[in-house]
Amino acid sequence: MSYSAQEQRNLDLVQAMFDHVLIPMDGDAADRFIAADYIQHNQWVDTGLEPLKAFLRKVRAENPDAVHDIKRRFADGDHVVVHYHVRRWAGDTGFAVMDIFRIEGDRIVEHWDVVQDVPADSPNPHSPF
């Protein structure tokens, strides 16, 4: 897939945010990637950077061994979509997650997500990944 220079910068920004914030669940690193007035659409977290940082600290404390396994990423203009598998502990079937980020300049300014449990047994032979 071919991306414009800006789309590639957006993909790189989101990947760096995953590498430094979401994968290690490091709320303190979020300032480097996410705008202070960040708009959050996830229904588990209030809007803004500080509530996100608090949420990341809470999740890290509850699930210190969580894994975020990125399966694919896409860019479309100022939006980046990331599809990944979250597992909270060894043996956890986890969640299939799709995050959508909107970028302005060099910061993530808005986020939406869809989270689906991965069942241990399914009549469908195709993985969600």
C-alpha atoms as a PDB file:
ATOM      1  CA  MET A   1       0.000   0.000   0.000  1.00  0.00           C
ATOM      2  CA  SER A   2       1.300   3.423  -0.899  1.00  0.00           C
ATOM      3  CA  TYR A   3       0.889   6.319   1.505  1.00  0.00           C
ATOM      4  CA  SER A   4       1.472  10.037   1.177  1.00  0.00           C
ATOM      5  CA  ALA A   5       4.359  11.465   3.195  1.00  0.00           C
ATOM      6  CA  GLN A   6       1.905  12.824   5.777  1.00  0.00           C
ATOM      7  CA  GLU A   7       0.064   9.507   6.072  1.00  0.00           C
ATOM      8  CA  GLN A   8       3.392   7.736   6.634  1.00  0.00           C
ATOM      9  CA  ARG A   9       4.290  10.267   9.371  1.00  0.00           C
ATOM     10  CA  ASN A  10       0.873   9.596  10.944  1.00  0.00           C
ATOM     11  CA  LEU A  11       1.464   5.827  10.839  1.00  0.00           C
ATOM     12  CA  ASP A  12       4.916   6.334  12.365  1.00  0.00           C
ATOM     13  CA  LEU A  13       3.487   8.558  15.130  1.00  0.00           C
ATOM     14  CA  VAL A  14       0.840   6.001  16.074  1.00  0.00           C
ATOM     15  CA  GLN A  15       3.382   3.155  15.989  1.00  0.00           C
ATOM     16  CA  ALA A  16       5.718   5.138  18.233  1.00  0.00           C
ATOM     17  CA  MET A  17       2.816   5.831  20.599  1.00  0.00           C
ATOM     18  CA  PHE A  18       2.089   2.090  20.761  1.00  0.00           C
ATOM     19  CA  ASP A  19       5.779   1.329  21.340  1.00  0.00           C
ATOM     20  CA  HIS A  20       6.199   3.878  24.141  1.00  0.00           C
ATOM     21  CA  VAL A  21       2.708   4.252  25.653  1.00  0.00           C
ATOM     22  CA  LEU A  22       0.215   1.445  24.962  1.00  0.00           C
ATOM     23  CA  ILE A  23       2.457  -1.616  24.824  1.00  0.00           C
ATOM     24  CA  PRO A  24       4.301  -0.743  28.071  1.00  0.00           C
ATOM     25  CA  MET A  25       1.100   0.919  29.429  1.00  0.00           C
ATOM     26  CA  ASP A  26       3.189   3.960  30.337  1.00  0.00           C
ATOM     27  CA  GLY A  27       0.836   6.869  30.966  1.00  0.00           C
ATOM     28  CA  ASP A  28       3.763   9.178  31.704  1.00  0.00           C
ATOM     29  CA  ALA A  29       5.017   8.826  28.107  1.00  0.00           C
ATOM     30  CA  ALA A  30       1.651   9.880  26.622  1.00  0.00           C
ATOM     31  CA  ASP A  31       2.531  13.614  26.625  1.00  0.00           C
ATOM     32  CA  ARG A  32       4.980  13.022  23.759  1.00  0.00           C
ATOM     33  CA  PHE A  33       2.279  11.699  21.426  1.00  0.00           C
ATOM     34  CA  ILE A  34      -1.164  12.818  22.569  1.00  0.00           C
ATOM     35  CA  ALA A  35      -2.602  16.341  22.718  1.00  0.00           C
ATOM     36  CA  ALA A  36      -3.592  17.725  26.127  1.00  0.00           C
ATOM     37  CA  ASP A  37      -7.144  18.387  24.872  1.00  0.00           C
ATOM     38  CA  TYR A  38      -7.409  14.900  23.326  1.00  0.00           C
ATOM     39  CA  ILE A  39     -10.989  13.839  22.535  1.00  0.00           C
ATOM     40  CA  GLN A  40     -11.773  10.354  23.811  1.00  0.00           C
ATOM     41  CA  HIS A  41     -14.719   8.283  22.510  1.00  0.00           C
ATOM     42  CA  ASN A  42     -13.931   5.118  24.522  1.00  0.00           C
ATOM     43  CA  GLN A  43     -16.781   4.706  26.990  1.00  0.00           C
ATOM     44  CA  TRP A  44     -14.477   3.385  29.757  1.00  0.00           C
ATOM     45  CA  VAL A  45     -12.320   6.531  29.880  1.00  0.00           C
ATOM     46  CA  ASP A  46     -13.176  10.216  30.290  1.00  0.00           C
ATOM     47  CA  THR A  47     -12.015  12.629  27.600  1.00  0.00           C
ATOM     48  CA  GLY A  48      -8.651  14.394  27.865  1.00  0.00           C
ATOM     49  CA  LEU A  49      -5.042  13.353  28.348  1.00  0.00           C
ATOM     50  CA  GLU A  50      -5.008  13.164  32.155  1.00  0.00           C
ATOM     51  CA  PRO A  51      -7.917  10.670  32.365  1.00  0.00           C
ATOM     52  CA  LEU A  52      -6.163   8.535  29.727  1.00  0.00           C
ATOM     53  CA  LYS A  53      -2.936   8.559  31.732  1.00  0.00           C
ATOM     54  CA  ALA A  54      -4.836   7.546  34.889  1.00  0.00           C
ATOM     55  CA  PHE A  55      -6.572   4.738  32.977  1.00  0.00           C
ATOM     56  CA  LEU A  56      -3.245   3.429  31.646  1.00  0.00           C
ATOM     57  CA  ARG A  57      -1.763   3.414  35.163  1.00  0.00           C
ATOM     58  CA  LYS A  58      -4.788   1.497  36.487  1.00  0.00           C
ATOM     59  CA  VAL A  59      -4.706  -1.085  33.681  1.00  0.00           C
ATOM     60  CA  ARG A  60      -0.945  -1.565  34.057  1.00  0.00           C
ATOM     61  CA  ALA A  61      -1.343  -2.178  37.798  1.00  0.00           C
ATOM     62  CA  GLU A  62      -4.128  -4.715  37.173  1.00  0.00           C
ATOM     63  CA  ASN A  63      -2.482  -6.456  34.183  1.00  0.00           C
ATOM     64  CA  PRO A  64       1.301  -5.920  34.271  1.00  0.00           C
ATOM     65  CA  ASP A  65       1.926  -8.761  31.788  1.00  0.00           C
ATOM     66  CA  ALA A  66      -0.560  -7.596  29.133  1.00  0.00           C
ATOM     67  CA  VAL A  67       0.404  -8.037  25.475  1.00  0.00           C
ATOM     68  CA  HIS A  68      -0.689  -5.812  22.572  1.00  0.00           C
ATOM     69  CA  ASP A  69      -0.014  -7.746  19.373  1.00  0.00           C
ATOM     70  CA  ILE A  70      -0.523  -5.464  16.348  1.00  0.00           C
ATOM     71  CA  LYS A  71      -1.861  -7.321  13.315  1.00  0.00           C
ATOM     72  CA  ARG A  72      -2.342  -4.483  10.810  1.00  0.00           C
ATOM     73  CA  ARG A  73      -2.280  -0.687  10.467  1.00  0.00           C
ATOM     74  CA  PHE A  74      -3.827   1.613   7.890  1.00  0.00           C
ATOM     75  CA  ALA A  75      -3.657   5.341   7.212  1.00  0.00           C
ATOM     76  CA  ASP A  76      -6.260   7.449   5.451  1.00  0.00           C
ATOM     77  CA  GLY A  77      -5.511  11.160   5.481  1.00  0.00           C
ATOM     78  CA  ASP A  78      -5.408  12.325   9.090  1.00  0.00           C
ATOM     79  CA  HIS A  79      -6.722   8.988  10.449  1.00  0.00           C
ATOM     80  CA  VAL A  80      -4.827   5.835  11.408  1.00  0.00           C
ATOM     81  CA  VAL A  81      -6.522   2.500  12.122  1.00  0.00           C
ATOM     82  CA  VAL A  82      -4.789  -0.220  14.154  1.00  0.00           C
ATOM     83  CA  HIS A  83      -6.131  -3.784  14.495  1.00  0.00           C
ATOM     84  CA  TYR A  84      -4.578  -5.765  17.333  1.00  0.00           C
ATOM     85  CA  HIS A  85      -4.938  -8.552  19.879  1.00  0.00           C
ATOM     86  CA  VAL A  86      -4.816  -7.726  23.582  1.00  0.00           C
ATOM     87  CA  ARG A  87      -4.098 -10.508  26.044  1.00  0.00           C
ATOM     88  CA  ARG A  88      -4.030  -9.581  29.721  1.00  0.00           C
ATOM     89  CA  TRP A  89      -2.238 -12.664  31.074  1.00  0.00           C
ATOM     90  CA  ALA A  90      -0.845 -15.995  29.883  1.00  0.00           C
ATOM     91  CA  GLY A  91      -3.661 -18.152  28.520  1.00  0.00           C
ATOM     92  CA  ASP A  92      -6.081 -15.226  28.122  1.00  0.00           C
ATOM     93  CA  THR A  93      -7.997 -15.362  24.827  1.00  0.00           C
ATOM     94  CA  GLY A  94      -8.224 -11.584  25.142  1.00  0.00           C
ATOM     95  CA  PHE A  95      -9.799  -8.945  22.956  1.00  0.00           C
ATOM     96  CA  ALA A  96      -9.784  -8.076  19.287  1.00  0.00           C
ATOM     97  CA  VAL A  97      -9.375  -4.294  19.150  1.00  0.00           C
ATOM     98  CA  MET A  98      -9.696  -1.707  16.396  1.00  0.00           C
ATOM     99  CA  ASP A  99      -8.442   1.758  17.314  1.00  0.00           C
ATOM    100  CA  ILE A 100      -9.020   4.797  15.135  1.00  0.00           C
ATOM    101  CA  PHE A 101      -6.813   7.822  15.793  1.00  0.00           C
ATOM    102  CA  ARG A 102      -7.102  11.302  14.299  1.00  0.00           C
ATOM    103  CA  ILE A 103      -3.875  13.254  14.042  1.00  0.00           C
ATOM    104  CA  GLU A 104      -3.248  17.004  13.821  1.00  0.00           C
ATOM    105  CA  GLY A 105       0.340  18.093  13.297  1.00  0.00           C
ATOM    106  CA  ASP A 106       2.494  15.846  15.440  1.00  0.00           C
ATOM    107  CA  ARG A 107      -0.100  14.802  18.048  1.00  0.00           C
ATOM    108  CA  ILE A 108      -2.983  12.371  18.331  1.00  0.00           C
ATOM    109  CA  VAL A 109      -6.039  14.526  18.978  1.00  0.00           C
ATOM    110  CA  GLU A 110      -8.950  12.062  18.881  1.00  0.00           C
ATOM    111  CA  HIS A 111      -9.572   8.345  19.469  1.00  0.00           C
ATOM    112  CA  TRP A 112     -12.347   5.826  18.831  1.00  0.00           C
ATOM    113  CA  ASP A 113     -12.226   2.085  19.429  1.00  0.00           C
ATOM    114  CA  VAL A 114     -14.169  -1.127  19.082  1.00  0.00           C
ATOM    115  CA  VAL A 115     -13.356  -3.986  21.464  1.00  0.00           C
ATOM    116  CA  GLN A 116     -14.585  -7.559  21.050  1.00  0.00           C
ATOM    117  CA  ASP A 117     -13.961 -10.562  23.287  1.00  0.00           C
ATOM    118  CA  VAL A 118     -12.142 -13.405  21.551  1.00  0.00           C
ATOM    119  CA  PRO A 119     -14.119 -16.549  22.423  1.00  0.00           C
ATOM    120  CA  ALA A 120     -12.299 -19.719  23.436  1.00  0.00           C
ATOM    121  CA  ASP A 121     -14.618 -21.714  21.165  1.00  0.00           C
ATOM    122  CA  SER A 122     -16.284 -20.475  17.989  1.00  0.00           C
ATOM    123  CA  PRO A 123     -18.307 -22.098  15.210  1.00  0.00           C
ATOM    124  CA  ASN A 124     -16.379 -19.842  12.799  1.00  0.00           C
ATOM    125  CA  PRO A 125     -13.065 -21.345  11.655  1.00  0.00           C
ATOM    126  CA  HIS A 126     -11.632 -17.900  10.794  1.00  0.00           C
ATOM    127  CA  SER A 127      -9.669 -15.999  13.407  1.00  0.00           C
ATOM    128  CA  PRO A 128     -10.646 -12.375  14.083  1.00  0.00           C
ATOM    129  CA  PHE A 129      -7.043 -11.586  13.128  1.00  0.00           C
END
